[in-house]
Amino acid sequence: MSGTKSAFPTAPATRAAIIVSHGQPSQPDRAEASLGQLALKVAAELPDWQVASATMAAKGALERRLEQMPGACLFPLFMADGWFTGTALPQRLIRQTTILAPLGLDQGLPLLAARILQQEISRRGWPVDQTDVLIAGHGGQNSANPAKATRRFATGLSALLPLGSVTCGFVEEPPKLDQIAAKTGQYSLCLPFFAAKGLHVRRDIPEMLKQGGFQGDLLDPISLAPEIPALIARTLKNAQTQEKAA
């Protein structure tokens, strides 16, 4: 569990959370370390919490964390609800555990994205109302949830920033990313709606943008934004407050 031990505060924690991601079956240690760094940043926002992490791809990692932190809730670092969060994750639980909504459905995510895009547009000196934003989503043939979550995010973003357009293009289902990229103009930003910088983000999205003649700039995935740890921390605190009030 490289990179996660120091996420534990020195004083006894009164609240606990485990950040869970899919991870990389081919390189489980690398993904574990990366997620552990995120846990450290979230822990820095929550000094009276115990915050740790585990990927589902690392054999036994989640089960060990659940044994160490029996009262912890789970925060899924996924962009949509579906088989992983609704079936695969619950099947791995060793006791009754609260599973929060995944990152991609967080109500604060569109506002965070709006602020980032405003900064990126201002830095380039572009007119906001002439800037096209292309949300690159995963999509999928087996479930409508990934595309639904991507469109929900795009709708929320559209209501917050007077952009020229906000459209969604997908890697694994129509409308494909390259098709939508071909319709964007000179002032264009592509924001990947992904939970990590995996092969889709590093390889497939740049290739599809090139195929579509994309003239703009590709940003890092929204999940890698510096403001994400603070957003997760707020979500954890709000969830605990709501649980106490129930």
Protein backbone atom coordinates (compact mmCIF):
# COMPACT_ATOMS: atom_id res chain seq x y z
CA MET A 1 0.00 0.00 0.00
CA SER A 2 2.72 2.42 -1.06
CA GLY A 3 2.13 6.11 -0.49
CA THR A 4 -0.91 5.88 1.79
CA LYS A 5 0.34 5.30 5.32
CA SER A 6 1.19 8.94 5.97
CA ALA A 7 -2.43 9.86 5.17
CA PHE A 8 -3.21 8.75 8.73
CA PRO A 9 -3.17 11.66 11.22
CA THR A 10 -1.00 11.36 14.32
CA ALA A 11 -3.94 12.07 16.63
CA PRO A 12 -6.79 9.55 16.89
CA ALA A 13 -9.28 10.21 14.10
CA THR A 14 -12.98 10.52 14.87
CA ARG A 15 -14.09 10.02 11.25
CA ALA A 16 -12.79 7.80 8.48
CA ALA A 17 -13.00 7.44 4.71
CA ILE A 18 -11.44 5.24 2.06
CA ILE A 19 -11.05 6.61 -1.46
CA VAL A 20 -11.56 3.75 -3.94
CA SER A 21 -10.68 3.64 -7.63
CA HIS A 22 -10.55 0.97 -10.30
CA GLY A 23 -6.78 1.03 -10.55
CA GLN A 24 -4.60 -0.60 -13.21
CA PRO A 25 -4.54 -4.42 -13.29
CA SER A 26 -1.32 -4.35 -15.34
CA GLN A 27 0.42 -1.89 -12.97
CA PRO A 28 -1.43 -2.08 -9.62
CA ASP A 29 1.39 -0.57 -7.53
CA ARG A 30 1.60 2.55 -9.69
CA ALA A 31 -2.13 3.21 -9.39
CA GLU A 32 -2.05 2.50 -5.65
CA ALA A 33 0.70 5.07 -5.15
CA SER A 34 -1.12 7.68 -7.24
CA LEU A 35 -4.35 7.20 -5.32
CA GLY A 36 -2.41 7.33 -2.08
CA GLN A 37 -1.14 10.78 -2.99
CA LEU A 38 -4.72 11.94 -3.45
CA ALA A 39 -5.60 10.50 -0.03
CA LEU A 40 -2.77 12.52 1.49
CA LYS A 41 -4.14 15.73 -0.02
CA VAL A 42 -7.68 14.99 1.17
CA ALA A 43 -6.33 14.17 4.63
CA ALA A 44 -4.62 17.57 4.71
CA GLU A 45 -8.07 19.14 4.24
CA LEU A 46 -9.54 17.01 7.06
CA PRO A 47 -7.14 17.02 10.03
CA ASP A 48 -9.62 15.22 12.31
CA TRP A 49 -10.32 12.46 9.80
CA GLN A 50 -8.62 9.19 8.99
CA VAL A 51 -8.27 9.07 5.18
CA ALA A 52 -6.80 6.18 3.21
CA SER A 53 -7.12 4.67 -0.24
CA ALA A 54 -7.33 1.38 -2.13
CA THR A 55 -7.73 0.34 -5.74
CA MET A 56 -9.96 -2.53 -6.75
CA ALA A 57 -7.29 -3.87 -9.10
CA ALA A 58 -4.71 -4.43 -6.35
CA LYS A 59 -5.41 -7.86 -4.89
CA GLY A 60 -6.65 -7.64 -1.29
CA ALA A 61 -5.98 -3.90 -0.96
CA LEU A 62 -9.59 -2.90 -0.33
CA GLU A 63 -10.23 -5.74 2.09
CA ARG A 64 -7.13 -4.82 4.12
CA ARG A 65 -8.23 -1.20 4.35
CA LEU A 66 -11.72 -2.22 5.47
CA GLU A 67 -10.19 -4.38 8.18
CA GLN A 68 -8.01 -1.49 9.37
CA MET A 69 -10.86 1.04 9.23
CA PRO A 70 -14.12 -0.76 10.10
CA GLY A 71 -16.18 2.42 10.41
CA ALA A 72 -14.98 4.10 7.23
CA CYS A 73 -17.25 5.21 4.41
CA LEU A 74 -16.17 4.70 0.79
CA PHE A 75 -15.70 7.50 -1.73
CA PRO A 76 -15.63 6.01 -5.28
CA LEU A 77 -13.23 7.83 -7.59
CA PHE A 78 -15.36 6.94 -10.60
CA MET A 79 -17.12 9.23 -13.05
CA ALA A 80 -20.45 7.36 -13.11
CA ASP A 81 -22.50 4.90 -11.14
CA GLY A 82 -22.78 1.48 -12.70
CA TRP A 83 -21.48 -2.05 -12.43
CA PHE A 84 -18.28 -1.18 -10.57
CA THR A 85 -19.93 1.02 -7.93
CA GLY A 86 -23.27 -0.82 -7.81
CA THR A 87 -22.19 -4.46 -8.03
CA ALA A 88 -18.44 -5.08 -8.01
CA LEU A 89 -17.66 -2.76 -5.10
CA PRO A 90 -20.49 -3.97 -2.78
CA GLN A 91 -19.43 -7.57 -3.44
CA ARG A 92 -15.99 -6.78 -2.02
CA LEU A 93 -17.28 -5.41 1.27
CA ILE A 94 -16.60 -7.45 4.39
CA ARG A 95 -19.21 -5.61 6.45
CA GLN A 96 -21.99 -3.07 6.00
CA THR A 97 -20.34 0.07 4.70
CA THR A 98 -21.65 3.38 3.40
CA ILE A 99 -20.77 3.98 -0.26
CA LEU A 100 -21.06 7.61 -1.32
CA ALA A 101 -21.92 8.83 -4.81
CA PRO A 102 -18.99 8.72 -7.25
CA LEU A 103 -16.93 11.79 -8.07
CA GLY A 104 -18.54 12.28 -11.47
CA LEU A 105 -21.96 12.79 -9.89
CA ASP A 106 -20.75 15.27 -7.26
CA GLN A 107 -22.93 18.38 -7.38
CA GLY A 108 -19.90 20.62 -6.91
CA LEU A 109 -18.01 19.29 -9.93
CA PRO A 110 -19.59 21.54 -12.62
CA LEU A 111 -18.81 24.67 -10.57
CA LEU A 112 -15.22 23.54 -10.10
CA ALA A 113 -14.94 22.93 -13.87
CA ALA A 114 -16.48 26.33 -14.65
CA ARG A 115 -13.81 28.06 -12.57
CA ILE A 116 -11.01 26.11 -14.23
CA LEU A 117 -12.33 26.81 -17.72
CA GLN A 118 -12.78 30.50 -16.94
CA GLN A 119 -9.14 30.67 -15.88
CA GLU A 120 -7.96 28.78 -18.97
CA ILE A 121 -9.98 30.98 -21.31
CA SER A 122 -8.83 34.19 -19.61
CA ARG A 123 -5.20 33.05 -19.73
CA ARG A 124 -5.50 32.62 -23.50
CA GLY A 125 -7.32 35.91 -23.97
CA TRP A 126 -10.25 34.23 -25.71
CA PRO A 127 -13.83 35.56 -25.70
CA VAL A 128 -15.84 33.33 -23.37
CA ASP A 129 -19.00 33.46 -25.47
CA GLN A 130 -17.07 32.28 -28.55
CA THR A 131 -15.24 29.43 -26.84
CA ASP A 132 -16.32 25.86 -27.56
CA VAL A 133 -15.86 23.32 -24.77
CA LEU A 134 -15.76 19.67 -25.72
CA ILE A 135 -16.34 17.23 -22.87
CA ALA A 136 -14.56 13.96 -23.68
CA GLY A 137 -16.39 11.07 -22.04
CA HIS A 138 -15.83 7.34 -21.89
CA GLY A 139 -19.28 6.13 -22.92
CA GLY A 140 -19.84 2.41 -23.36
CA GLN A 141 -21.99 -0.18 -25.04
CA ASN A 142 -22.93 -2.08 -21.87
CA SER A 143 -24.43 0.75 -19.83
CA ALA A 144 -26.00 4.15 -20.47
CA ASN A 145 -24.72 5.49 -17.16
CA PRO A 146 -21.26 6.77 -18.27
CA ALA A 147 -22.74 8.86 -21.09
CA LYS A 148 -25.61 9.99 -18.86
CA ALA A 149 -23.19 11.22 -16.19
CA THR A 150 -21.09 13.02 -18.80
CA ARG A 151 -24.12 14.82 -20.22
CA ARG A 152 -25.35 15.69 -16.74
CA PHE A 153 -21.99 17.30 -16.02
CA ALA A 154 -22.06 19.19 -19.33
CA THR A 155 -25.56 20.51 -18.62
CA GLY A 156 -24.48 21.76 -15.21
CA LEU A 157 -21.44 23.43 -16.72
CA SER A 158 -23.53 25.14 -19.44
CA ALA A 159 -25.71 26.76 -16.80
CA LEU A 160 -22.70 28.29 -15.04
CA LEU A 161 -20.59 29.72 -17.86
CA PRO A 162 -21.83 31.64 -20.98
CA LEU A 163 -19.77 29.59 -23.43
CA GLY A 164 -20.16 29.43 -27.17
CA SER A 165 -21.04 25.75 -26.87
CA VAL A 166 -20.65 22.77 -24.57
CA THR A 167 -20.83 19.41 -26.33
CA CYS A 168 -20.02 15.80 -25.43
CA GLY A 169 -18.04 13.34 -27.51
CA PHE A 170 -17.26 9.77 -26.48
CA VAL A 171 -14.45 7.29 -26.89
CA GLU A 172 -16.61 4.16 -26.96
CA GLU A 173 -20.04 5.21 -28.27
CA PRO A 174 -21.63 7.74 -30.63
CA PRO A 175 -21.32 10.59 -31.03
CA LYS A 176 -17.62 9.80 -31.24
CA LEU A 177 -15.12 12.36 -30.04
CA ASP A 178 -13.55 12.87 -33.46
CA GLN A 179 -16.94 13.64 -35.00
CA ILE A 180 -17.72 16.33 -32.43
CA ALA A 181 -14.17 17.72 -32.56
CA ALA A 182 -14.64 18.42 -36.27
CA LYS A 183 -17.46 20.84 -35.42
CA THR A 184 -15.51 23.01 -32.99
CA GLY A 185 -13.84 26.28 -33.88
CA GLN A 186 -10.53 28.02 -33.28
CA TYR A 187 -11.34 28.85 -29.66
CA SER A 188 -11.79 25.34 -28.30
CA LEU A 189 -10.92 23.44 -25.14
CA CYS A 190 -11.32 19.71 -24.58
CA LEU A 191 -11.91 18.63 -20.97
CA PRO A 192 -11.70 14.86 -20.34
CA PHE A 193 -14.40 13.59 -17.99
CA PHE A 194 -12.22 10.79 -16.64
CA ALA A 195 -11.15 9.63 -13.18
CA ALA A 196 -7.49 9.09 -14.07
CA LYS A 197 -4.92 9.72 -16.78
CA GLY A 198 -5.06 6.23 -18.25
CA LEU A 199 -4.67 5.02 -21.82
CA HIS A 200 -7.89 6.61 -23.02
CA VAL A 201 -6.69 10.02 -21.87
CA ARG A 202 -3.04 9.62 -22.84
CA ARG A 203 -3.56 7.92 -26.22
CA ASP A 204 -7.12 7.60 -27.50
CA ILE A 205 -8.39 11.12 -26.83
CA PRO A 206 -5.40 12.92 -28.45
CA GLU A 207 -5.61 10.59 -31.47
CA MET A 208 -9.35 11.15 -31.91
CA LEU A 209 -8.97 14.91 -31.57
CA LYS A 210 -6.28 14.85 -34.25
CA GLN A 211 -8.50 12.78 -36.53
CA GLY A 212 -11.28 15.31 -36.08
CA GLY A 213 -9.02 18.25 -36.91
CA PHE A 214 -9.38 19.75 -33.45
CA GLN A 215 -7.85 23.25 -33.42
CA GLY A 216 -7.94 23.89 -29.67
CA ASP A 217 -6.18 22.69 -26.54
CA LEU A 218 -6.53 19.47 -24.57
CA LEU A 219 -6.71 19.95 -20.80
CA ASP A 220 -5.96 17.45 -18.05
CA PRO A 221 -8.88 15.30 -16.80
CA ILE A 222 -11.16 17.12 -14.37
CA SER A 223 -10.23 14.54 -11.72
CA LEU A 224 -6.64 15.85 -11.67
CA ALA A 225 -7.61 19.44 -10.93
CA PRO A 226 -5.80 20.84 -7.85
CA GLU A 227 -9.20 21.67 -6.31
CA ILE A 228 -10.39 18.03 -6.30
CA PRO A 229 -9.03 17.11 -2.83
CA ALA A 230 -10.91 20.02 -1.26
CA LEU A 231 -14.08 19.02 -3.13
CA ILE A 232 -13.80 15.44 -1.86
CA ALA A 233 -13.18 16.72 1.67
CA ARG A 234 -16.33 18.88 1.54
CA THR A 235 -18.35 15.95 0.24
CA LEU A 236 -17.15 13.72 3.08
CA LYS A 237 -18.00 16.34 5.70
CA ASN A 238 -21.43 17.00 4.17
CA ALA A 239 -22.20 13.29 4.07
CA GLN A 240 -21.35 12.90 7.74
CA THR A 241 -23.49 15.92 8.65
CA GLN A 242 -26.44 14.49 6.73
CA GLU A 243 -25.95 11.08 8.36
CA LYS A 244 -26.05 12.66 11.82
CA ALA A 245 -29.20 14.61 10.95
CA ALA A 246 -31.02 11.54 9.62
